[in-house]
């Protein structure tokens, strides 16, 4: 005599809850990401055409300080000092990051110089 209950047929697991979770994650990551905040800053690399003329204009960017042709300088005084070394705003200014300077610091200096009217900035290693 068999006293066990009759065997129930096995149910297949429903995929609906898993699909709901996948769509919720998709919506979350779409809302959490930031679209359209990337900016393009044209910085030609050295050696890309055009000759260099005039006085040296090398801006060394360190984590805490700036130096123009080896002379320490405040960031606010940099555009004024460069005006004395350039004939036109289209003259080449060379930027070099030194001593583990952050890329954000280099971009900040480049934006400051562009705001002052300098058009041709070249980034070297």
PDB file of N, CA and C in Angstrom:
ATOM      1  N   UNK A   1       0.813  -1.160   0.000  1.00  0.00           N
ATOM      2  CA  UNK A   1       0.000   0.000   0.000  1.00  0.00           C
ATOM      3  C   UNK A   1       0.884   1.260   0.000  1.00  0.00           C
ATOM      4  N   UNK A   2       0.628   2.185  -0.901  1.00  0.00           N
ATOM      5  CA  UNK A   2       1.405   3.406  -1.082  1.00  0.00           C
ATOM      6  C   UNK A   2       0.651   4.559  -0.448  1.00  0.00           C
ATOM      7  N   UNK A   3       1.213   5.156   0.616  1.00  0.00           N
ATOM      8  CA  UNK A   3       0.544   6.236   1.336  1.00  0.00           C
ATOM      9  C   UNK A   3       1.047   7.621   0.925  1.00  0.00           C
ATOM     10  N   UNK A   4       1.968   7.716   0.028  1.00  0.00           N
ATOM     11  CA  UNK A   4       2.487   9.026  -0.382  1.00  0.00           C
ATOM     12  C   UNK A   4       1.476   9.715  -1.305  1.00  0.00           C
ATOM     13  N   UNK A   5       1.457  11.047  -1.256  1.00  0.00           N
ATOM     14  CA  UNK A   5       0.522  11.772  -2.113  1.00  0.00           C
ATOM     15  C   UNK A   5       0.888  11.564  -3.582  1.00  0.00           C
ATOM     16  N   UNK A   6      -0.058  11.710  -4.440  1.00  0.00           N
ATOM     17  CA  UNK A   6       0.248  11.520  -5.852  1.00  0.00           C
ATOM     18  C   UNK A   6       1.241  12.579  -6.343  1.00  0.00           C
ATOM     19  N   UNK A   7       2.108  12.209  -7.233  1.00  0.00           N
ATOM     20  CA  UNK A   7       3.126  13.125  -7.762  1.00  0.00           C
ATOM     21  C   UNK A   7       2.471  14.226  -8.574  1.00  0.00           C
ATOM     22  N   UNK A   8       2.897  15.462  -8.257  1.00  0.00           N
ATOM     23  CA  UNK A   8       2.363  16.592  -9.017  1.00  0.00           C
ATOM     24  C   UNK A   8       3.223  16.794 -10.262  1.00  0.00           C
ATOM     25  N   UNK A   9       2.631  17.246 -11.305  1.00  0.00           N
ATOM     26  CA  UNK A   9       3.454  17.520 -12.494  1.00  0.00           C
ATOM     27  C   UNK A   9       4.367  18.715 -12.212  1.00  0.00           C
ATOM     28  N   UNK A  10       5.610  18.680 -12.719  1.00  0.00           N
ATOM     29  CA  UNK A  10       6.572  19.771 -12.497  1.00  0.00           C
ATOM     30  C   UNK A  10       6.165  21.004 -13.294  1.00  0.00           C
ATOM     31  N   UNK A  11       6.250  22.152 -12.635  1.00  0.00           N
ATOM     32  CA  UNK A  11       5.947  23.411 -13.323  1.00  0.00           C
ATOM     33  C   UNK A  11       7.243  24.018 -13.843  1.00  0.00           C
ATOM     34  N   UNK A  12       7.159  24.589 -14.997  1.00  0.00           N
ATOM     35  CA  UNK A  12       8.319  25.309 -15.525  1.00  0.00           C
ATOM     36  C   UNK A  12       8.397  26.657 -14.829  1.00  0.00           C
ATOM     37  N   UNK A  13       9.608  27.101 -14.498  1.00  0.00           N
ATOM     38  CA  UNK A  13       9.713  28.420 -13.855  1.00  0.00           C
ATOM     39  C   UNK A  13       9.311  29.520 -14.838  1.00  0.00           C
ATOM     40  N   UNK A  14       8.660  30.526 -14.316  1.00  0.00           N
ATOM     41  CA  UNK A  14       8.224  31.636 -15.150  1.00  0.00           C
ATOM     42  C   UNK A  14       9.389  32.597 -15.370  1.00  0.00           C
ATOM     43  N   UNK A  15       9.572  33.054 -16.593  1.00  0.00           N
ATOM     44  CA  UNK A  15      10.644  33.994 -16.914  1.00  0.00           C
ATOM     45  C   UNK A  15      10.198  35.443 -16.771  1.00  0.00           C
ATOM     46  N   UNK A  16       8.959  35.674 -16.509  1.00  0.00           N
ATOM     47  CA  UNK A  16       8.435  37.037 -16.415  1.00  0.00           C
ATOM     48  C   UNK A  16       9.130  37.857 -15.324  1.00  0.00           C
ATOM     49  N   UNK A  17       9.313  37.350 -14.093  1.00  0.00           N
ATOM     50  CA  UNK A  17      10.014  38.169 -13.090  1.00  0.00           C
ATOM     51  C   UNK A  17      11.447  38.513 -13.495  1.00  0.00           C
ATOM     52  N   UNK A  18      12.146  37.579 -14.147  1.00  0.00           N
ATOM     53  CA  UNK A  18      13.506  37.858 -14.567  1.00  0.00           C
ATOM     54  C   UNK A  18      13.524  38.939 -15.642  1.00  0.00           C
ATOM     55  N   UNK A  19      12.587  38.899 -16.570  1.00  0.00           N
ATOM     56  CA  UNK A  19      12.512  39.920 -17.615  1.00  0.00           C
ATOM     57  C   UNK A  19      12.183  41.272 -17.003  1.00  0.00           C
ATOM     58  N   UNK A  20      11.313  41.290 -15.996  1.00  0.00           N
ATOM     59  CA  UNK A  20      10.999  42.546 -15.302  1.00  0.00           C
ATOM     60  C   UNK A  20      12.245  43.137 -14.650  1.00  0.00           C
ATOM     61  N   UNK A  21      13.030  42.302 -14.005  1.00  0.00           N
ATOM     62  CA  UNK A  21      14.250  42.784 -13.353  1.00  0.00           C
ATOM     63  C   UNK A  21      15.231  43.325 -14.386  1.00  0.00           C
ATOM     64  N   UNK A  22      15.371  42.658 -15.519  1.00  0.00           N
ATOM     65  CA  UNK A  22      16.291  43.127 -16.567  1.00  0.00           C
ATOM     66  C   UNK A  22      15.848  44.490 -17.087  1.00  0.00           C
ATOM     67  N   UNK A  23      14.561  44.674 -17.304  1.00  0.00           N
ATOM     68  CA  UNK A  23      14.083  45.971 -17.787  1.00  0.00           C
ATOM     69  C   UNK A  23      14.232  47.053 -16.724  1.00  0.00           C
ATOM     70  N   UNK A  24      14.025  46.725 -15.467  1.00  0.00           N
ATOM     71  CA  UNK A  24      14.240  47.710 -14.404  1.00  0.00           C
ATOM     72  C   UNK A  24      15.716  48.121 -14.339  1.00  0.00           C
ATOM     73  N   UNK A  25      16.629  47.171 -14.477  1.00  0.00           N
ATOM     74  CA  UNK A  25      18.049  47.513 -14.499  1.00  0.00           C
ATOM     75  C   UNK A  25      18.392  48.368 -15.712  1.00  0.00           C
ATOM     76  N   UNK A  26      17.817  48.051 -16.847  1.00  0.00           N
ATOM     77  CA  UNK A  26      18.057  48.837 -18.052  1.00  0.00           C
ATOM     78  C   UNK A  26      17.603  50.283 -17.856  1.00  0.00           C
ATOM     79  N   UNK A  27      16.413  50.457 -17.319  1.00  0.00           N
ATOM     80  CA  UNK A  27      15.899  51.814 -17.066  1.00  0.00           C
ATOM     81  C   UNK A  27      16.776  52.524 -16.045  1.00  0.00           C
ATOM     82  N   UNK A  28      17.196  51.835 -15.002  1.00  0.00           N
ATOM     83  CA  UNK A  28      18.049  52.458 -13.983  1.00  0.00           C
ATOM     84  C   UNK A  28      19.352  52.968 -14.594  1.00  0.00           C
ATOM     85  N   UNK A  29      20.026  52.120 -15.374  1.00  0.00           N
ATOM     86  CA  UNK A  29      21.311  52.541 -15.938  1.00  0.00           C
ATOM     87  C   UNK A  29      21.144  53.621 -16.999  1.00  0.00           C
ATOM     88  N   UNK A  30      20.051  53.628 -17.700  1.00  0.00           N
ATOM     89  CA  UNK A  30      19.817  54.698 -18.672  1.00  0.00           C
ATOM     90  C   UNK A  30      19.601  56.029 -17.964  1.00  0.00           C
ATOM     91  N   UNK A  31      18.891  56.016 -16.845  1.00  0.00           N
ATOM     92  CA  UNK A  31      18.646  57.255 -16.117  1.00  0.00           C
ATOM     93  C   UNK A  31      19.867  57.691 -15.305  1.00  0.00           C
ATOM     94  N   UNK A  32      20.676  56.740 -14.880  1.00  0.00           N
ATOM     95  CA  UNK A  32      21.838  57.071 -14.055  1.00  0.00           C
ATOM     96  C   UNK A  32      23.012  57.567 -14.893  1.00  0.00           C
ATOM     97  N   UNK A  33      23.056  57.227 -16.169  1.00  0.00           N
ATOM     98  CA  UNK A  33      24.181  57.658 -16.997  1.00  0.00           C
ATOM     99  C   UNK A  33      23.983  59.101 -17.436  1.00  0.00           C
ATOM    100  N   UNK A  34      25.091  59.714 -17.798  1.00  0.00           N
ATOM    101  CA  UNK A  34      25.051  61.110 -18.219  1.00  0.00           C
ATOM    102  C   UNK A  34      25.349  61.167 -19.705  1.00  0.00           C
ATOM    103  N   UNK A  35      24.404  61.659 -20.456  1.00  0.00           N
ATOM    104  CA  UNK A  35      24.562  61.741 -21.909  1.00  0.00           C
ATOM    105  C   UNK A  35      24.881  63.176 -22.308  1.00  0.00           C
ATOM    106  N   UNK A  36      25.725  63.327 -23.301  1.00  0.00           N
ATOM    107  CA  UNK A  36      25.966  64.630 -23.899  1.00  0.00           C
ATOM    108  C   UNK A  36      26.841  65.562 -23.095  1.00  0.00           C
ATOM    109  N   UNK A  37      27.583  65.076 -22.101  1.00  0.00           N
ATOM    110  CA  UNK A  37      28.425  65.958 -21.316  1.00  0.00           C
ATOM    111  C   UNK A  37      29.871  65.949 -21.791  1.00  0.00           C
ATOM    112  N   UNK A  38      30.167  65.138 -22.776  1.00  0.00           N
ATOM    113  CA  UNK A  38      31.527  65.087 -23.287  1.00  0.00           C
ATOM    114  C   UNK A  38      31.798  66.323 -24.129  1.00  0.00           C
ATOM    115  N   UNK A  39      32.937  66.907 -23.928  1.00  0.00           N
ATOM    116  CA  UNK A  39      33.319  68.082 -24.701  1.00  0.00           C
ATOM    117  C   UNK A  39      34.594  67.764 -25.480  1.00  0.00           C
ATOM    118  N   UNK A  40      34.704  68.304 -26.642  1.00  0.00           N
ATOM    119  CA  UNK A  40      35.884  68.094 -27.473  1.00  0.00           C
ATOM    120  C   UNK A  40      36.732  69.352 -27.390  1.00  0.00           C
ATOM    121  N   UNK A  41      37.966  69.152 -27.017  1.00  0.00           N
ATOM    122  CA  UNK A  41      38.910  70.264 -26.957  1.00  0.00           C
ATOM    123  C   UNK A  41      39.988  69.990 -27.988  1.00  0.00           C
ATOM    124  N   UNK A  42      40.055  70.786 -29.037  1.00  0.00           N
ATOM    125  CA  UNK A  42      41.056  70.529 -30.072  1.00  0.00           C
ATOM    126  C   UNK A  42      42.456  70.887 -29.577  1.00  0.00           C
ATOM    127  N   UNK A  43      43.266  69.878 -29.329  1.00  0.00           N
ATOM    128  CA  UNK A  43      44.659  70.077 -28.944  1.00  0.00           C
ATOM    129  C   UNK A  43      45.522  69.264 -29.899  1.00  0.00           C
ATOM    130  N   UNK A  44      46.096  69.896 -30.894  1.00  0.00           N
ATOM    131  CA  UNK A  44      46.948  69.128 -31.803  1.00  0.00           C
ATOM    132  C   UNK A  44      48.199  68.642 -31.082  1.00  0.00           C
ATOM    133  N   UNK A  45      48.689  67.501 -31.470  1.00  0.00           N
ATOM    134  CA  UNK A  45      49.920  66.983 -30.896  1.00  0.00           C
ATOM    135  C   UNK A  45      51.110  67.577 -31.630  1.00  0.00           C
ATOM    136  N   UNK A  46      52.254  67.543 -30.983  1.00  0.00           N
ATOM    137  CA  UNK A  46      53.461  68.129 -31.571  1.00  0.00           C
ATOM    138  C   UNK A  46      53.812  67.414 -32.860  1.00  0.00           C
ATOM    139  N   UNK A  47      54.372  68.173 -33.795  1.00  0.00           N
ATOM    140  CA  UNK A  47      54.786  67.599 -35.064  1.00  0.00           C
ATOM    141  C   UNK A  47      53.693  67.618 -36.110  1.00  0.00           C
ATOM    142  N   UNK A  48      52.564  68.190 -35.798  1.00  0.00           N
ATOM    143  CA  UNK A  48      51.447  68.197 -36.729  1.00  0.00           C
ATOM    144  C   UNK A  48      51.411  69.432 -37.593  1.00  0.00           C
ATOM    145  N   UNK A  49      52.363  69.596 -38.478  1.00  0.00           N
ATOM    146  CA  UNK A  49      52.355  70.684 -39.451  1.00  0.00           C
ATOM    147  C   UNK A  49      52.655  72.038 -38.835  1.00  0.00           C
ATOM    148  N   UNK A  50      52.967  72.976 -39.677  1.00  0.00           N
ATOM    149  CA  UNK A  50      53.211  74.346 -39.226  1.00  0.00           C
ATOM    150  C   UNK A  50      54.529  74.469 -38.490  1.00  0.00           C
ATOM    151  N   UNK A  51      55.259  75.514 -38.783  1.00  0.00           N
ATOM    152  CA  UNK A  51      56.524  75.746 -38.116  1.00  0.00           C
ATOM    153  C   UNK A  51      56.346  76.583 -36.869  1.00  0.00           C
ATOM    154  N   UNK A  52      57.368  76.595 -36.085  1.00  0.00           N
ATOM    155  CA  UNK A  52      57.357  77.370 -34.845  1.00  0.00           C
ATOM    156  C   UNK A  52      58.247  78.574 -35.046  1.00  0.00           C
ATOM    157  N   UNK A  53      57.709  79.763 -34.790  1.00  0.00           N
ATOM    158  CA  UNK A  53      58.478  80.988 -34.964  1.00  0.00           C
ATOM    159  C   UNK A  53      58.340  81.843 -33.722  1.00  0.00           C
ATOM    160  N   UNK A  54      59.330  82.677 -33.497  1.00  0.00           N
ATOM    161  CA  UNK A  54      59.256  83.634 -32.398  1.00  0.00           C
ATOM    162  C   UNK A  54      59.894  83.114 -31.124  1.00  0.00           C
ATOM    163  N   UNK A  55      59.609  83.845 -30.054  1.00  0.00           N
ATOM    164  CA  UNK A  55      60.180  83.520 -28.745  1.00  0.00           C
ATOM    165  C   UNK A  55      59.627  82.190 -28.235  1.00  0.00           C
ATOM    166  N   UNK A  56      60.378  81.507 -27.356  1.00  0.00           N
ATOM    167  CA  UNK A  56      59.859  80.262 -26.790  1.00  0.00           C
ATOM    168  C   UNK A  56      58.630  80.520 -25.935  1.00  0.00           C
ATOM    169  N   UNK A  57      57.665  79.624 -26.037  1.00  0.00           N
ATOM    170  CA  UNK A  57      56.416  79.748 -25.268  1.00  0.00           C
ATOM    171  C   UNK A  57      56.053  78.360 -24.748  1.00  0.00           C
ATOM    172  N   UNK A  58      56.792  77.886 -23.759  1.00  0.00           N
ATOM    173  CA  UNK A  58      56.569  76.576 -23.176  1.00  0.00           C
ATOM    174  C   UNK A  58      55.936  76.744 -21.799  1.00  0.00           C
ATOM    175  N   UNK A  59      54.726  76.231 -21.651  1.00  0.00           N
ATOM    176  CA  UNK A  59      54.016  76.297 -20.371  1.00  0.00           C
ATOM    177  C   UNK A  59      54.085  74.908 -19.747  1.00  0.00           C
ATOM    178  N   UNK A  60      54.811  74.807 -18.626  1.00  0.00           N
ATOM    179  CA  UNK A  60      54.893  73.550 -17.894  1.00  0.00           C
ATOM    180  C   UNK A  60      53.835  73.555 -16.804  1.00  0.00           C
ATOM    181  N   UNK A  61      53.008  72.536 -16.819  1.00  0.00           N
ATOM    182  CA  UNK A  61      51.878  72.463 -15.898  1.00  0.00           C
ATOM    183  C   UNK A  61      52.176  71.377 -14.870  1.00  0.00           C
ATOM    184  N   UNK A  62      52.319  71.802 -13.632  1.00  0.00           N
ATOM    185  CA  UNK A  62      52.539  70.865 -12.526  1.00  0.00           C
ATOM    186  C   UNK A  62      51.271  70.807 -11.671  1.00  0.00           C
ATOM    187  N   UNK A  63      51.185  69.837 -10.764  1.00  0.00           N
ATOM    188  CA  UNK A  63      49.953  69.727  -9.963  1.00  0.00           C
ATOM    189  C   UNK A  63      49.590  70.996  -9.198  1.00  0.00           C
ATOM    190  N   UNK A  64      50.568  71.736  -8.726  1.00  0.00           N
ATOM    191  CA  UNK A  64      50.273  72.920  -7.916  1.00  0.00           C
ATOM    192  C   UNK A  64      50.723  74.234  -8.548  1.00  0.00           C
ATOM    193  N   UNK A  65      51.655  74.181  -9.492  1.00  0.00           N
ATOM    194  CA  UNK A  65      52.216  75.422 -10.040  1.00  0.00           C
ATOM    195  C   UNK A  65      52.247  75.377 -11.567  1.00  0.00           C
ATOM    196  N   UNK A  66      52.507  76.558 -12.133  1.00  0.00           N
ATOM    197  CA  UNK A  66      52.728  76.711 -13.577  1.00  0.00           C
ATOM    198  C   UNK A  66      54.080  77.366 -13.778  1.00  0.00           C
ATOM    199  N   UNK A  67      54.695  77.084 -14.910  1.00  0.00           N
ATOM    200  CA  UNK A  67      55.953  77.744 -15.244  1.00  0.00           C
ATOM    201  C   UNK A  67      55.923  78.084 -16.733  1.00  0.00           C
ATOM    202  N   UNK A  68      56.276  79.321 -17.043  1.00  0.00           N
ATOM    203  CA  UNK A  68      56.382  79.773 -18.426  1.00  0.00           C
ATOM    204  C   UNK A  68      57.854  79.905 -18.735  1.00  0.00           C
ATOM    205  N   UNK A  69      58.354  79.079 -19.645  1.00  0.00           N
ATOM    206  CA  UNK A  69      59.773  79.054 -20.011  1.00  0.00           C
ATOM    207  C   UNK A  69      60.669  78.885 -18.788  1.00  0.00           C
ATOM    208  N   UNK A  70      60.224  78.066 -17.836  1.00  0.00           N
ATOM    209  CA  UNK A  70      61.019  77.763 -16.645  1.00  0.00           C
ATOM    210  C   UNK A  70      60.812  78.710 -15.484  1.00  0.00           C
ATOM    211  N   UNK A  71      60.082  79.795 -15.684  1.00  0.00           N
ATOM    212  CA  UNK A  71      59.855  80.774 -14.618  1.00  0.00           C
ATOM    213  C   UNK A  71      58.498  80.511 -13.964  1.00  0.00           C
ATOM    214  N   UNK A  72      58.456  80.283 -12.643  1.00  0.00           N
ATOM    215  CA  UNK A  72      57.167  80.051 -11.972  1.00  0.00           C
ATOM    216  C   UNK A  72      56.235  81.246 -12.170  1.00  0.00           C
ATOM    217  N   UNK A  73      54.958  80.950 -12.307  1.00  0.00           N
ATOM    218  CA  UNK A  73      53.992  81.995 -12.617  1.00  0.00           C
ATOM    219  C   UNK A  73      52.623  81.609 -12.081  1.00  0.00           C
ATOM    220  N   UNK A  74      51.848  82.593 -11.693  1.00  0.00           N
ATOM    221  CA  UNK A  74      50.470  82.353 -11.265  1.00  0.00           C
ATOM    222  C   UNK A  74      49.601  82.131 -12.501  1.00  0.00           C
ATOM    223  N   UNK A  75      48.547  81.365 -12.335  1.00  0.00           N
ATOM    224  CA  UNK A  75      47.668  81.061 -13.468  1.00  0.00           C
ATOM    225  C   UNK A  75      47.015  82.321 -14.016  1.00  0.00           C
ATOM    226  N   UNK A  76      46.690  83.268 -13.159  1.00  0.00           N
ATOM    227  CA  UNK A  76      46.043  84.497 -13.607  1.00  0.00           C
ATOM    228  C   UNK A  76      46.987  85.375 -14.433  1.00  0.00           C
ATOM    229  N   UNK A  77      48.290  85.290 -14.167  1.00  0.00           N
ATOM    230  CA  UNK A  77      49.259  86.125 -14.881  1.00  0.00           C
ATOM    231  C   UNK A  77      49.731  85.495 -16.189  1.00  0.00           C
ATOM    232  N   UNK A  78      49.393  84.240 -16.417  1.00  0.00           N
ATOM    233  CA  UNK A  78      49.886  83.534 -17.605  1.00  0.00           C
ATOM    234  C   UNK A  78      49.444  84.172 -18.925  1.00  0.00           C
ATOM    235  N   UNK A  79      48.149  84.485 -19.131  1.00  0.00           N
ATOM    236  CA  UNK A  79      47.778  85.098 -20.421  1.00  0.00           C
ATOM    237  C   UNK A  79      48.489  86.420 -20.683  1.00  0.00           C
ATOM    238  N   UNK A  80      48.667  87.251 -19.667  1.00  0.00           N
ATOM    239  CA  UNK A  80      49.363  88.524 -19.849  1.00  0.00           C
ATOM    240  C   UNK A  80      50.823  88.329 -20.215  1.00  0.00           C
ATOM    241  N   UNK A  81      51.460  87.351 -19.590  1.00  0.00           N
ATOM    242  CA  UNK A  81      52.867  87.090 -19.905  1.00  0.00           C
ATOM    243  C   UNK A  81      53.018  86.529 -21.315  1.00  0.00           C
ATOM    244  N   UNK A  82      52.065  85.730 -21.746  1.00  0.00           N
ATOM    245  CA  UNK A  82      52.134  85.165 -23.103  1.00  0.00           C
ATOM    246  C   UNK A  82      51.875  86.220 -24.170  1.00  0.00           C
ATOM    247  N   UNK A  83      51.092  87.241 -23.861  1.00  0.00           N
ATOM    248  CA  UNK A  83      50.847  88.298 -24.842  1.00  0.00           C
ATOM    249  C   UNK A  83      52.134  89.012 -25.215  1.00  0.00           C
ATOM    250  N   UNK A  84      53.048  89.126 -24.268  1.00  0.00           N
ATOM    251  CA  UNK A  84      54.336  89.752 -24.563  1.00  0.00           C
ATOM    252  C   UNK A  84      55.249  88.879 -25.417  1.00  0.00           C
ATOM    253  N   UNK A  85      54.973  87.576 -25.455  1.00  0.00           N
ATOM    254  CA  UNK A  85      55.821  86.659 -26.221  1.00  0.00           C
ATOM    255  C   UNK A  85      55.238  86.294 -27.580  1.00  0.00           C
ATOM    256  N   UNK A  86      54.009  86.704 -27.849  1.00  0.00           N
ATOM    257  CA  UNK A  86      53.367  86.356 -29.113  1.00  0.00           C
ATOM    258  C   UNK A  86      53.122  87.595 -29.956  1.00  0.00           C
ATOM    259  N   UNK A  87      53.205  87.411 -31.264  1.00  0.00           N
ATOM    260  CA  UNK A  87      52.901  88.513 -32.176  1.00  0.00           C
ATOM    261  C   UNK A  87      51.407  88.547 -32.483  1.00  0.00           C
ATOM    262  N   UNK A  88      50.808  87.377 -32.632  1.00  0.00           N
ATOM    263  CA  UNK A  88      49.368  87.278 -32.902  1.00  0.00           C
ATOM    264  C   UNK A  88      48.793  86.170 -32.019  1.00  0.00           C
ATOM    265  N   UNK A  89      47.481  86.144 -31.819  1.00  0.00           N
ATOM    266  CA  UNK A  89      46.878  85.067 -31.030  1.00  0.00           C
ATOM    267  C   UNK A  89      46.984  83.698 -31.705  1.00  0.00           C
ATOM    268  N   UNK A  90      47.356  83.660 -32.989  1.00  0.00           N
ATOM    269  CA  UNK A  90      47.490  82.392 -33.702  1.00  0.00           C
ATOM    270  C   UNK A  90      48.871  81.768 -33.525  1.00  0.00           C
ATOM    271  N   UNK A  91      49.775  82.422 -32.780  1.00  0.00           N
ATOM    272  CA  UNK A  91      51.098  81.846 -32.535  1.00  0.00           C
ATOM    273  C   UNK A  91      50.969  80.598 -31.664  1.00  0.00           C
ATOM    274  N   UNK A  92      51.879  79.665 -31.865  1.00  0.00           N
ATOM    275  CA  UNK A  92      51.840  78.383 -31.161  1.00  0.00           C
ATOM    276  C   UNK A  92      52.294  78.537 -29.713  1.00  0.00           C
ATOM    277  N   UNK A  93      51.513  77.943 -28.816  1.00  0.00           N
ATOM    278  CA  UNK A  93      51.874  77.863 -27.400  1.00  0.00           C
ATOM    279  C   UNK A  93      51.942  76.387 -27.049  1.00  0.00           C
ATOM    280  N   UNK A  94      53.056  75.974 -26.453  1.00  0.00           N
ATOM    281  CA  UNK A  94      53.272  74.562 -26.144  1.00  0.00           C
ATOM    282  C   UNK A  94      52.930  74.315 -24.677  1.00  0.00           C
ATOM    283  N   UNK A  95      52.089  73.310 -24.448  1.00  0.00           N
ATOM    284  CA  UNK A  95      51.704  72.906 -23.095  1.00  0.00           C
ATOM    285  C   UNK A  95      52.337  71.554 -22.790  1.00  0.00           C
ATOM    286  N   UNK A  96      52.925  71.444 -21.600  1.00  0.00           N
ATOM    287  CA  UNK A  96      53.514  70.169 -21.194  1.00  0.00           C
ATOM    288  C   UNK A  96      53.146  69.884 -19.744  1.00  0.00           C
ATOM    289  N   UNK A  97      52.493  68.765 -19.529  1.00  0.00           N
ATOM    290  CA  UNK A  97      52.175  68.329 -18.172  1.00  0.00           C
ATOM    291  C   UNK A  97      53.386  67.696 -17.532  1.00  0.00           C
ATOM    292  N   UNK A  98      53.689  68.079 -16.291  1.00  0.00           N
ATOM    293  CA  UNK A  98      54.874  67.580 -15.591  1.00  0.00           C
ATOM    294  C   UNK A  98      54.497  67.049 -14.218  1.00  0.00           C
ATOM    295  N   UNK A  99      55.318  66.167 -13.698  1.00  0.00           N
ATOM    296  CA  UNK A  99      55.217  65.672 -12.312  1.00  0.00           C
ATOM    297  C   UNK A  99      53.817  65.174 -11.972  1.00  0.00           C
ATOM    298  N   UNK A 100      53.269  64.316 -12.817  1.00  0.00           N
ATOM    299  CA  UNK A 100      51.955  63.707 -12.574  1.00  0.00           C
ATOM    300  C   UNK A 100      50.825  64.733 -12.455  1.00  0.00           C
ATOM    301  N   UNK A 101      50.865  65.760 -13.267  1.00  0.00           N
ATOM    302  CA  UNK A 101      49.771  66.729 -13.293  1.00  0.00           C
ATOM    303  C   UNK A 101      48.522  66.056 -13.857  1.00  0.00           C
ATOM    304  N   UNK A 102      47.381  66.327 -13.263  1.00  0.00           N
ATOM    305  CA  UNK A 102      46.123  65.747 -13.723  1.00  0.00           C
ATOM    306  C   UNK A 102      45.759  66.302 -15.091  1.00  0.00           C
ATOM    307  N   UNK A 103      45.071  65.485 -15.862  1.00  0.00           N
ATOM    308  CA  UNK A 103      44.598  65.933 -17.163  1.00  0.00           C
ATOM    309  C   UNK A 103      43.617  67.092 -16.996  1.00  0.00           C
ATOM    310  N   UNK A 104      42.833  67.069 -15.937  1.00  0.00           N
ATOM    311  CA  UNK A 104      41.879  68.157 -15.695  1.00  0.00           C
ATOM    312  C   UNK A 104      42.608  69.488 -15.499  1.00  0.00           C
ATOM    313  N   UNK A 105      43.768  69.440 -14.865  1.00  0.00           N
ATOM    314  CA  UNK A 105      44.553  70.672 -14.679  1.00  0.00           C
ATOM    315  C   UNK A 105      45.057  71.175 -16.027  1.00  0.00           C
ATOM    316  N   UNK A 106      45.535  70.282 -16.890  1.00  0.00           N
ATOM    317  CA  UNK A 106      46.015  70.676 -18.221  1.00  0.00           C
ATOM    318  C   UNK A 106      44.872  71.286 -19.021  1.00  0.00           C
ATOM    319  N   UNK A 107      43.698  70.668 -18.964  1.00  0.00           N
ATOM    320  CA  UNK A 107      42.545  71.182 -19.696  1.00  0.00           C
ATOM    321  C   UNK A 107      42.107  72.529 -19.127  1.00  0.00           C
ATOM    322  N   UNK A 108      42.192  72.690 -17.818  1.00  0.00           N
ATOM    323  CA  UNK A 108      41.844  73.978 -17.210  1.00  0.00           C
ATOM    324  C   UNK A 108      42.747  75.102 -17.697  1.00  0.00           C
ATOM    325  N   UNK A 109      44.050  74.828 -17.782  1.00  0.00           N
ATOM    326  CA  UNK A 109      44.988  75.842 -18.297  1.00  0.00           C
ATOM    327  C   UNK A 109      44.694  76.126 -19.766  1.00  0.00           C
ATOM    328  N   UNK A 110      44.413  75.074 -20.548  1.00  0.00           N
ATOM    329  CA  UNK A 110      44.097  75.266 -21.960  1.00  0.00           C
ATOM    330  C   UNK A 110      42.831  76.095 -22.129  1.00  0.00           C
ATOM    331  N   UNK A 111      41.820  75.860 -21.309  1.00  0.00           N
ATOM    332  CA  UNK A 111      40.587  76.651 -21.397  1.00  0.00           C
ATOM    333  C   UNK A 111      40.839  78.100 -21.012  1.00  0.00           C
ATOM    334  N   UNK A 112      41.690  78.328 -20.021  1.00  0.00           N
ATOM    335  CA  UNK A 112      42.036  79.696 -19.627  1.00  0.00           C
ATOM    336  C   UNK A 112      42.721  80.430 -20.779  1.00  0.00           C
ATOM    337  N   UNK A 113      43.639  79.743 -21.456  1.00  0.00           N
ATOM    338  CA  UNK A 113      44.349  80.377 -22.573  1.00  0.00           C
ATOM    339  C   UNK A 113      43.414  80.607 -23.759  1.00  0.00           C
ATOM    340  N   UNK A 114      42.509  79.667 -24.017  1.00  0.00           N
ATOM    341  CA  UNK A 114      41.536  79.863 -25.111  1.00  0.00           C
ATOM    342  C   UNK A 114      40.601  81.034 -24.801  1.00  0.00           C
ATOM    343  N   UNK A 115      40.205  81.166 -23.547  1.00  0.00           N
ATOM    344  CA  UNK A 115      39.346  82.286 -23.163  1.00  0.00           C
ATOM    345  C   UNK A 115      40.076  83.620 -23.320  1.00  0.00           C
ATOM    346  N   UNK A 116      41.410  83.606 -23.178  1.00  0.00           N
ATOM    347  CA  UNK A 116      42.202  84.820 -23.348  1.00  0.00           C
ATOM    348  C   UNK A 116      42.462  85.130 -24.825  1.00  0.00           C
ATOM    349  N   UNK A 117      42.041  84.231 -25.726  1.00  0.00           N
ATOM    350  CA  UNK A 117      42.161  84.515 -27.155  1.00  0.00           C
ATOM    351  C   UNK A 117      43.230  83.732 -27.882  1.00  0.00           C
ATOM    352  N   UNK A 118      43.999  82.919 -27.196  1.00  0.00           N
ATOM    353  CA  UNK A 118      45.039  82.137 -27.864  1.00  0.00           C
ATOM    354  C   UNK A 118      44.388  80.959 -28.573  1.00  0.00           C
ATOM    355  N   UNK A 119      44.751  80.789 -29.845  1.00  0.00           N
ATOM    356  CA  UNK A 119      44.050  79.824 -30.684  1.00  0.00           C
ATOM    357  C   UNK A 119      44.820  78.527 -30.892  1.00  0.00           C
ATOM    358  N   UNK A 120      46.114  78.580 -30.919  1.00  0.00           N
ATOM    359  CA  UNK A 120      46.899  77.385 -31.294  1.00  0.00           C
ATOM    360  C   UNK A 120      47.677  76.883 -30.081  1.00  0.00           C
ATOM    361  N   UNK A 121      47.120  75.870 -29.429  1.00  0.00           N
ATOM    362  CA  UNK A 121      47.770  75.233 -28.287  1.00  0.00           C
ATOM    363  C   UNK A 121      48.205  73.848 -28.718  1.00  0.00           C
ATOM    364  N   UNK A 122      49.430  73.495 -28.400  1.00  0.00           N
ATOM    365  CA  UNK A 122      49.977  72.187 -28.758  1.00  0.00           C
ATOM    366  C   UNK A 122      50.343  71.468 -27.471  1.00  0.00           C
ATOM    367  N   UNK A 123      49.894  70.242 -27.351  1.00  0.00           N
ATOM    368  CA  UNK A 123      50.166  69.435 -26.163  1.00  0.00           C
ATOM    369  C   UNK A 123      51.310  68.475 -26.470  1.00  0.00           C
ATOM    370  N   UNK A 124      52.346  68.501 -25.628  1.00  0.00           N
ATOM    371  CA  UNK A 124      53.453  67.565 -25.793  1.00  0.00           C
ATOM    372  C   UNK A 124      53.589  66.744 -24.526  1.00  0.00           C
ATOM    373  N   UNK A 125      54.303  65.638 -24.655  1.00  0.00           N
ATOM    374  CA  UNK A 125      54.477  64.754 -23.511  1.00  0.00           C
ATOM    375  C   UNK A 125      55.679  65.141 -22.707  1.00  0.00           C
TER     376      UNK A 125
END
